[in-house]
Amino acid sequence: LSGGTVTETASLNAATHPASWKESVHITDVKVGPLLKSLADMDMLEGSLSMDTNMKATGLTEAGVKTLNGRGNVLMRNGKIKGFDMAGAIRKFTNPMAATGPQETDFSQLSGSFTVKNGVADNRDLFMASPLLRVTGSGTVDLVQKLLDYHVKPRVVGTLKGQGDASPVRRGLTVPLHISGPFAAPSVKPEISASTLIDNAPALLKKGKVG
């Protein structure tokens, strides 16, 4: 399927209405972009997906999503998240006048485990790596309302330099971000506090070099 393999074990109880079902799925190296587009008309992720899930629900239509329960884990490689520019949000923290770039975030790896209760997925161990960033975080994905609510902590491990920036963002900078809103148009806002500024003082005060 879509460049990879999917192995599924499932059962369906059609003796009652609405029907109930449960399944376990093992996915290896599936190209997630075309799959999401064809199954859910979503265009927010690209990359190679490997995932294991155990799910159950009542109902075979979209309305049944609110009865979805289970757990799983996911690993994605060499992809991008569309709709927001995480590196750009960090540049805005250090320079509010910085030019914006493409509204997407590239990654070499994205992983985490999750539980699903009544159609809302909860993740507490998000990890994302790219040549420029290491990101940890936690949050929820509401599959019923199609809403995101994530708190993430990107740490700069490379050199971030945006369009028109006179100087790069320094390595070691960590800016907590709140990602929220609908799948189609999520917002990304820095979560600035006194502790954020204190923790980032060494990176913010460096002059003339990156280190």
C-alpha atoms as a PDB file:
ATOM      1  CA  LEU A   1       0.000   0.000   0.000  1.00  0.00           C
ATOM      2  CA  SER A   2       1.396   3.393  -1.046  1.00  0.00           C
ATOM      3  CA  GLY A   3       4.952   2.077  -1.359  1.00  0.00           C
ATOM      4  CA  GLY A   4       4.981  -0.028   1.841  1.00  0.00           C
ATOM      5  CA  THR A   5       3.182  -2.908   3.532  1.00  0.00           C
ATOM      6  CA  VAL A   6       0.175  -3.152   5.846  1.00  0.00           C
ATOM      7  CA  THR A   7      -0.726  -6.256   7.865  1.00  0.00           C
ATOM      8  CA  GLU A   8      -4.113  -6.206   9.588  1.00  0.00           C
ATOM      9  CA  THR A   9      -6.010  -8.539  11.896  1.00  0.00           C
ATOM     10  CA  ALA A  10      -9.627  -7.494  12.365  1.00  0.00           C
ATOM     11  CA  SER A  11     -13.027  -8.670  13.532  1.00  0.00           C
ATOM     12  CA  LEU A  12     -16.468  -7.232  12.799  1.00  0.00           C
ATOM     13  CA  ASN A  13     -19.642  -7.832  14.805  1.00  0.00           C
ATOM     14  CA  ALA A  14     -22.592  -7.079  12.535  1.00  0.00           C
ATOM     15  CA  ALA A  15     -25.162  -8.803  14.759  1.00  0.00           C
ATOM     16  CA  THR A  16     -26.017  -5.465  16.369  1.00  0.00           C
ATOM     17  CA  HIS A  17     -26.612  -2.000  14.953  1.00  0.00           C
ATOM     18  CA  PRO A  18     -24.411  -0.089  14.652  1.00  0.00           C
ATOM     19  CA  ALA A  19     -21.780  -2.746  14.006  1.00  0.00           C
ATOM     20  CA  SER A  20     -18.705  -2.864  16.237  1.00  0.00           C
ATOM     21  CA  TRP A  21     -15.170  -3.729  15.196  1.00  0.00           C
ATOM     22  CA  LYS A  22     -11.644  -4.078  16.461  1.00  0.00           C
ATOM     23  CA  GLU A  23      -8.351  -4.401  14.675  1.00  0.00           C
ATOM     24  CA  SER A  24      -4.595  -4.502  15.064  1.00  0.00           C
ATOM     25  CA  VAL A  25      -2.481  -3.044  12.283  1.00  0.00           C
ATOM     26  CA  HIS A  26       1.238  -3.222  11.499  1.00  0.00           C
ATOM     27  CA  ILE A  27       2.393  -0.638   8.931  1.00  0.00           C
ATOM     28  CA  THR A  28       5.883  -0.546   7.421  1.00  0.00           C
ATOM     29  CA  ASP A  29       7.333   2.203   5.194  1.00  0.00           C
ATOM     30  CA  VAL A  30       4.058   3.526   3.796  1.00  0.00           C
ATOM     31  CA  LYS A  31       4.161   6.918   2.031  1.00  0.00           C
ATOM     32  CA  VAL A  32       1.763   8.749   4.299  1.00  0.00           C
ATOM     33  CA  GLY A  33       1.026  11.819   2.136  1.00  0.00           C
ATOM     34  CA  PRO A  34      -0.903  10.095  -0.684  1.00  0.00           C
ATOM     35  CA  LEU A  35      -2.578   7.772   1.834  1.00  0.00           C
ATOM     36  CA  LEU A  36      -3.979  10.597   3.986  1.00  0.00           C
ATOM     37  CA  LYS A  37      -5.096  12.479   0.900  1.00  0.00           C
ATOM     38  CA  SER A  38      -7.054   9.523  -0.485  1.00  0.00           C
ATOM     39  CA  LEU A  39      -8.533   8.286   2.810  1.00  0.00           C
ATOM     40  CA  ALA A  40      -9.252  11.513   4.678  1.00  0.00           C
ATOM     41  CA  ASP A  41      -8.666  14.356   2.193  1.00  0.00           C
ATOM     42  CA  MET A  42      -5.877  15.633   4.488  1.00  0.00           C
ATOM     43  CA  ASP A  43      -2.672  17.253   3.274  1.00  0.00           C
ATOM     44  CA  MET A  44      -0.658  17.948   6.425  1.00  0.00           C
ATOM     45  CA  LEU A  45       2.012  15.220   6.497  1.00  0.00           C
ATOM     46  CA  GLU A  46       4.604  13.701   4.208  1.00  0.00           C
ATOM     47  CA  GLY A  47       7.125  10.960   4.924  1.00  0.00           C
ATOM     48  CA  SER A  48       7.659   7.248   5.323  1.00  0.00           C
ATOM     49  CA  LEU A  49       5.360   5.843   8.031  1.00  0.00           C
ATOM     50  CA  SER A  50       5.786   2.780  10.245  1.00  0.00           C
ATOM     51  CA  MET A  51       3.116   2.227  12.910  1.00  0.00           C
ATOM     52  CA  ASP A  52       1.527  -0.372  15.179  1.00  0.00           C
ATOM     53  CA  THR A  53      -2.013   0.116  16.505  1.00  0.00           C
ATOM     54  CA  ASN A  54      -4.719  -1.745  18.399  1.00  0.00           C
ATOM     55  CA  MET A  55      -8.109  -0.053  18.017  1.00  0.00           C
ATOM     56  CA  LYS A  56     -11.817  -0.665  18.502  1.00  0.00           C
ATOM     57  CA  ALA A  57     -14.956   1.348  17.763  1.00  0.00           C
ATOM     58  CA  THR A  58     -18.674   1.167  17.143  1.00  0.00           C
ATOM     59  CA  GLY A  59     -19.981   2.255  13.765  1.00  0.00           C
ATOM     60  CA  LEU A  60     -18.587   2.150  10.227  1.00  0.00           C
ATOM     61  CA  THR A  61     -19.134   5.795   9.247  1.00  0.00           C
ATOM     62  CA  GLU A  62     -17.270   8.972  10.210  1.00  0.00           C
ATOM     63  CA  ALA A  63     -19.654   9.385  13.151  1.00  0.00           C
ATOM     64  CA  GLY A  64     -18.067   6.280  14.670  1.00  0.00           C
ATOM     65  CA  VAL A  65     -14.770   8.130  15.186  1.00  0.00           C
ATOM     66  CA  LYS A  66     -16.089   9.459  18.519  1.00  0.00           C
ATOM     67  CA  THR A  67     -16.217   5.843  19.793  1.00  0.00           C
ATOM     68  CA  LEU A  68     -12.638   5.070  18.722  1.00  0.00           C
ATOM     69  CA  ASN A  69     -10.431   3.720  21.535  1.00  0.00           C
ATOM     70  CA  GLY A  70      -7.030   2.053  21.617  1.00  0.00           C
ATOM     71  CA  ARG A  71      -3.297   2.670  21.556  1.00  0.00           C
ATOM     72  CA  GLY A  72      -0.340   2.663  19.229  1.00  0.00           C
ATOM     73  CA  ASN A  73       3.106   3.925  18.336  1.00  0.00           C
ATOM     74  CA  VAL A  74       4.395   5.697  15.273  1.00  0.00           C
ATOM     75  CA  LEU A  75       7.718   6.333  13.548  1.00  0.00           C
ATOM     76  CA  MET A  76       8.069   8.603  10.532  1.00  0.00           C
ATOM     77  CA  ARG A  77      11.239   9.319   8.558  1.00  0.00           C
ATOM     78  CA  ASN A  78      12.330  11.919   6.006  1.00  0.00           C
ATOM     79  CA  GLY A  79       9.141  13.949   5.885  1.00  0.00           C
ATOM     80  CA  LYS A  80       7.519  17.259   6.609  1.00  0.00           C
ATOM     81  CA  ILE A  81       4.644  18.700   8.608  1.00  0.00           C
ATOM     82  CA  LYS A  82       2.643  21.146   6.528  1.00  0.00           C
ATOM     83  CA  GLY A  83       0.832  24.192   7.858  1.00  0.00           C
ATOM     84  CA  PHE A  84       3.420  25.745  10.154  1.00  0.00           C
ATOM     85  CA  ASP A  85       7.083  26.719  10.186  1.00  0.00           C
ATOM     86  CA  MET A  86       8.597  25.739  13.544  1.00  0.00           C
ATOM     87  CA  ALA A  87      12.019  27.192  12.709  1.00  0.00           C
ATOM     88  CA  GLY A  88      10.353  30.429  11.639  1.00  0.00           C
ATOM     89  CA  ALA A  89       8.507  30.667  14.959  1.00  0.00           C
ATOM     90  CA  ILE A  90      11.855  30.446  16.780  1.00  0.00           C
ATOM     91  CA  ARG A  91      13.370  33.148  14.542  1.00  0.00           C
ATOM     92  CA  LYS A  92      10.393  35.365  15.358  1.00  0.00           C
ATOM     93  CA  PHE A  93      11.182  34.915  19.056  1.00  0.00           C
ATOM     94  CA  THR A  94      14.647  36.453  18.599  1.00  0.00           C
ATOM     95  CA  ASN A  95      13.689  38.895  15.832  1.00  0.00           C
ATOM     96  CA  PRO A  96      10.004  39.835  15.470  1.00  0.00           C
ATOM     97  CA  MET A  97      10.802  41.454  12.107  1.00  0.00           C
ATOM     98  CA  ALA A  98      12.283  38.281  10.611  1.00  0.00           C
ATOM     99  CA  ALA A  99      10.825  37.304   7.243  1.00  0.00           C
ATOM    100  CA  THR A 100       8.577  34.254   7.161  1.00  0.00           C
ATOM    101  CA  GLY A 101       9.488  31.186   5.147  1.00  0.00           C
ATOM    102  CA  PRO A 102       7.484  28.274   3.742  1.00  0.00           C
ATOM    103  CA  GLN A 103       4.750  27.100   6.118  1.00  0.00           C
ATOM    104  CA  GLU A 104       6.201  23.648   6.690  1.00  0.00           C
ATOM    105  CA  THR A 105       8.635  21.873   9.015  1.00  0.00           C
ATOM    106  CA  ASP A 106      11.015  19.248   7.633  1.00  0.00           C
ATOM    107  CA  PHE A 107      12.171  16.334   9.800  1.00  0.00           C
ATOM    108  CA  SER A 108      14.449  13.318   9.528  1.00  0.00           C
ATOM    109  CA  GLN A 109      12.595  11.448  12.303  1.00  0.00           C
ATOM    110  CA  LEU A 110       9.311  11.868  14.159  1.00  0.00           C
ATOM    111  CA  SER A 111       8.205   9.333  16.755  1.00  0.00           C
ATOM    112  CA  GLY A 112       5.904   8.791  19.701  1.00  0.00           C
ATOM    113  CA  SER A 113       3.336   6.549  21.344  1.00  0.00           C
ATOM    114  CA  PHE A 114      -0.315   7.405  21.915  1.00  0.00           C
ATOM    115  CA  THR A 115      -3.591   6.346  23.450  1.00  0.00           C
ATOM    116  CA  VAL A 116      -6.985   7.099  21.915  1.00  0.00           C
ATOM    117  CA  LYS A 117     -10.076   7.666  24.041  1.00  0.00           C
ATOM    118  CA  ASN A 118     -13.395   8.449  22.383  1.00  0.00           C
ATOM    119  CA  GLY A 119     -11.691   9.760  19.262  1.00  0.00           C
ATOM    120  CA  VAL A 120      -9.060  11.908  20.982  1.00  0.00           C
ATOM    121  CA  ALA A 121      -5.432  10.778  20.686  1.00  0.00           C
ATOM    122  CA  ASP A 122      -3.122  11.670  23.579  1.00  0.00           C
ATOM    123  CA  ASN A 123       0.660  11.667  23.161  1.00  0.00           C
ATOM    124  CA  ARG A 124       3.218  12.295  25.932  1.00  0.00           C
ATOM    125  CA  ASP A 125       6.553  11.390  24.316  1.00  0.00           C
ATOM    126  CA  LEU A 126       6.770  13.225  21.006  1.00  0.00           C
ATOM    127  CA  PHE A 127      10.301  13.378  19.576  1.00  0.00           C
ATOM    128  CA  MET A 128      11.292  15.015  16.320  1.00  0.00           C
ATOM    129  CA  ALA A 129      14.760  15.439  14.833  1.00  0.00           C
ATOM    130  CA  SER A 130      16.019  17.485  11.909  1.00  0.00           C
ATOM    131  CA  PRO A 131      19.446  18.855  10.988  1.00  0.00           C
ATOM    132  CA  LEU A 132      18.489  22.112  12.748  1.00  0.00           C
ATOM    133  CA  LEU A 133      16.160  21.100  15.599  1.00  0.00           C
ATOM    134  CA  ARG A 134      15.473  18.532  18.291  1.00  0.00           C
ATOM    135  CA  VAL A 135      11.870  18.676  19.452  1.00  0.00           C
ATOM    136  CA  THR A 136      10.144  17.081  22.443  1.00  0.00           C
ATOM    137  CA  GLY A 137       6.534  17.562  23.381  1.00  0.00           C
ATOM    138  CA  SER A 138       3.103  16.313  24.315  1.00  0.00           C
ATOM    139  CA  GLY A 139      -0.482  17.033  23.413  1.00  0.00           C
ATOM    140  CA  THR A 140      -3.708  15.837  21.881  1.00  0.00           C
ATOM    141  CA  VAL A 141      -5.143  15.290  18.415  1.00  0.00           C
ATOM    142  CA  ASP A 142      -8.944  15.457  18.361  1.00  0.00           C
ATOM    143  CA  LEU A 143      -9.947  13.231  15.448  1.00  0.00           C
ATOM    144  CA  VAL A 144     -13.626  14.105  15.901  1.00  0.00           C
ATOM    145  CA  GLN A 145     -13.293  17.898  15.767  1.00  0.00           C
ATOM    146  CA  LYS A 146     -10.046  17.744  13.723  1.00  0.00           C
ATOM    147  CA  LEU A 147      -8.191  19.943  16.206  1.00  0.00           C
ATOM    148  CA  LEU A 148      -4.589  20.019  17.470  1.00  0.00           C
ATOM    149  CA  ASP A 149      -3.450  21.051  20.954  1.00  0.00           C
ATOM    150  CA  TYR A 150       0.300  20.514  21.410  1.00  0.00           C
ATOM    151  CA  HIS A 151       3.016  21.959  23.619  1.00  0.00           C
ATOM    152  CA  VAL A 152       6.462  21.390  22.154  1.00  0.00           C
ATOM    153  CA  LYS A 153      10.033  22.409  23.019  1.00  0.00           C
ATOM    154  CA  PRO A 154      12.257  22.800  19.953  1.00  0.00           C
ATOM    155  CA  ARG A 155      15.978  23.102  20.719  1.00  0.00           C
ATOM    156  CA  VAL A 156      18.254  24.589  18.084  1.00  0.00           C
ATOM    157  CA  VAL A 157      21.152  22.239  17.300  1.00  0.00           C
ATOM    158  CA  GLY A 158      22.203  23.769  13.975  1.00  0.00           C
ATOM    159  CA  THR A 159      22.183  27.300  12.606  1.00  0.00           C
ATOM    160  CA  LEU A 160      18.813  28.882  11.825  1.00  0.00           C
ATOM    161  CA  LYS A 161      19.048  31.699   9.337  1.00  0.00           C
ATOM    162  CA  GLY A 162      15.918  32.932   7.658  1.00  0.00           C
ATOM    163  CA  GLN A 163      15.207  35.149   4.683  1.00  0.00           C
ATOM    164  CA  GLY A 164      16.596  38.617   5.288  1.00  0.00           C
ATOM    165  CA  ASP A 165      18.090  37.782   8.707  1.00  0.00           C
ATOM    166  CA  ALA A 166      21.357  39.578   9.405  1.00  0.00           C
ATOM    167  CA  SER A 167      22.498  36.983  11.949  1.00  0.00           C
ATOM    168  CA  PRO A 168      21.629  33.356  12.634  1.00  0.00           C
ATOM    169  CA  VAL A 169      19.714  32.041  15.629  1.00  0.00           C
ATOM    170  CA  ARG A 170      22.226  30.618  18.080  1.00  0.00           C
ATOM    171  CA  ARG A 171      22.666  26.941  18.823  1.00  0.00           C
ATOM    172  CA  GLY A 172      21.253  25.927  22.199  1.00  0.00           C
ATOM    173  CA  LEU A 173      18.176  28.160  22.036  1.00  0.00           C
ATOM    174  CA  THR A 174      15.000  26.430  23.265  1.00  0.00           C
ATOM    175  CA  VAL A 175      11.640  28.127  22.690  1.00  0.00           C
ATOM    176  CA  PRO A 176       8.460  26.416  23.982  1.00  0.00           C
ATOM    177  CA  LEU A 177       5.695  26.588  21.398  1.00  0.00           C
ATOM    178  CA  HIS A 178       1.943  26.036  21.580  1.00  0.00           C
ATOM    179  CA  ILE A 179       0.525  24.476  18.406  1.00  0.00           C
ATOM    180  CA  SER A 180      -3.256  24.608  18.324  1.00  0.00           C
ATOM    181  CA  GLY A 181      -6.256  24.907  16.063  1.00  0.00           C
ATOM    182  CA  PRO A 182      -7.770  23.038  13.113  1.00  0.00           C
ATOM    183  CA  PHE A 183      -5.735  20.565  11.083  1.00  0.00           C
ATOM    184  CA  ALA A 184      -6.078  22.771   8.000  1.00  0.00           C
ATOM    185  CA  ALA A 185      -4.733  25.953   9.639  1.00  0.00           C
ATOM    186  CA  PRO A 186      -2.971  25.433  12.987  1.00  0.00           C
ATOM    187  CA  SER A 187      -1.385  28.371  14.796  1.00  0.00           C
ATOM    188  CA  VAL A 188       2.088  28.333  16.376  1.00  0.00           C
ATOM    189  CA  LYS A 189       2.743  30.726  19.252  1.00  0.00           C
ATOM    190  CA  PRO A 190       5.850  31.004  21.465  1.00  0.00           C
ATOM    191  CA  GLU A 191       5.137  30.451  25.171  1.00  0.00           C
ATOM    192  CA  ILE A 192       7.272  33.190  26.677  1.00  0.00           C
ATOM    193  CA  SER A 193       7.866  33.470  30.429  1.00  0.00           C
ATOM    194  CA  ALA A 194      10.597  34.727  32.751  1.00  0.00           C
ATOM    195  CA  SER A 195      12.026  31.213  33.003  1.00  0.00           C
ATOM    196  CA  THR A 196      12.116  30.947  29.183  1.00  0.00           C
ATOM    197  CA  LEU A 197      14.222  34.101  28.941  1.00  0.00           C
ATOM    198  CA  ILE A 198      16.529  33.059  31.798  1.00  0.00           C
ATOM    199  CA  ASP A 199      17.076  29.584  30.358  1.00  0.00           C
ATOM    200  CA  ASN A 200      17.896  31.050  26.949  1.00  0.00           C
ATOM    201  CA  ALA A 201      20.099  33.922  28.130  1.00  0.00           C
ATOM    202  CA  PRO A 202      23.417  32.226  27.160  1.00  0.00           C
ATOM    203  CA  ALA A 203      22.208  31.573  23.599  1.00  0.00           C
ATOM    204  CA  LEU A 204      20.573  34.993  23.222  1.00  0.00           C
ATOM    205  CA  LEU A 205      23.642  36.901  24.463  1.00  0.00           C
ATOM    206  CA  LYS A 206      26.216  35.239  22.223  1.00  0.00           C
ATOM    207  CA  LYS A 207      27.736  37.688  19.772  1.00  0.00           C
ATOM    208  CA  GLY A 208      29.664  37.113  16.610  1.00  0.00           C
ATOM    209  CA  LYS A 209      29.767  33.329  16.664  1.00  0.00           C
ATOM    210  CA  VAL A 210      27.611  30.270  16.769  1.00  0.00           C
ATOM    211  CA  GLY A 211      28.379  27.680  19.438  1.00  0.00           C
END
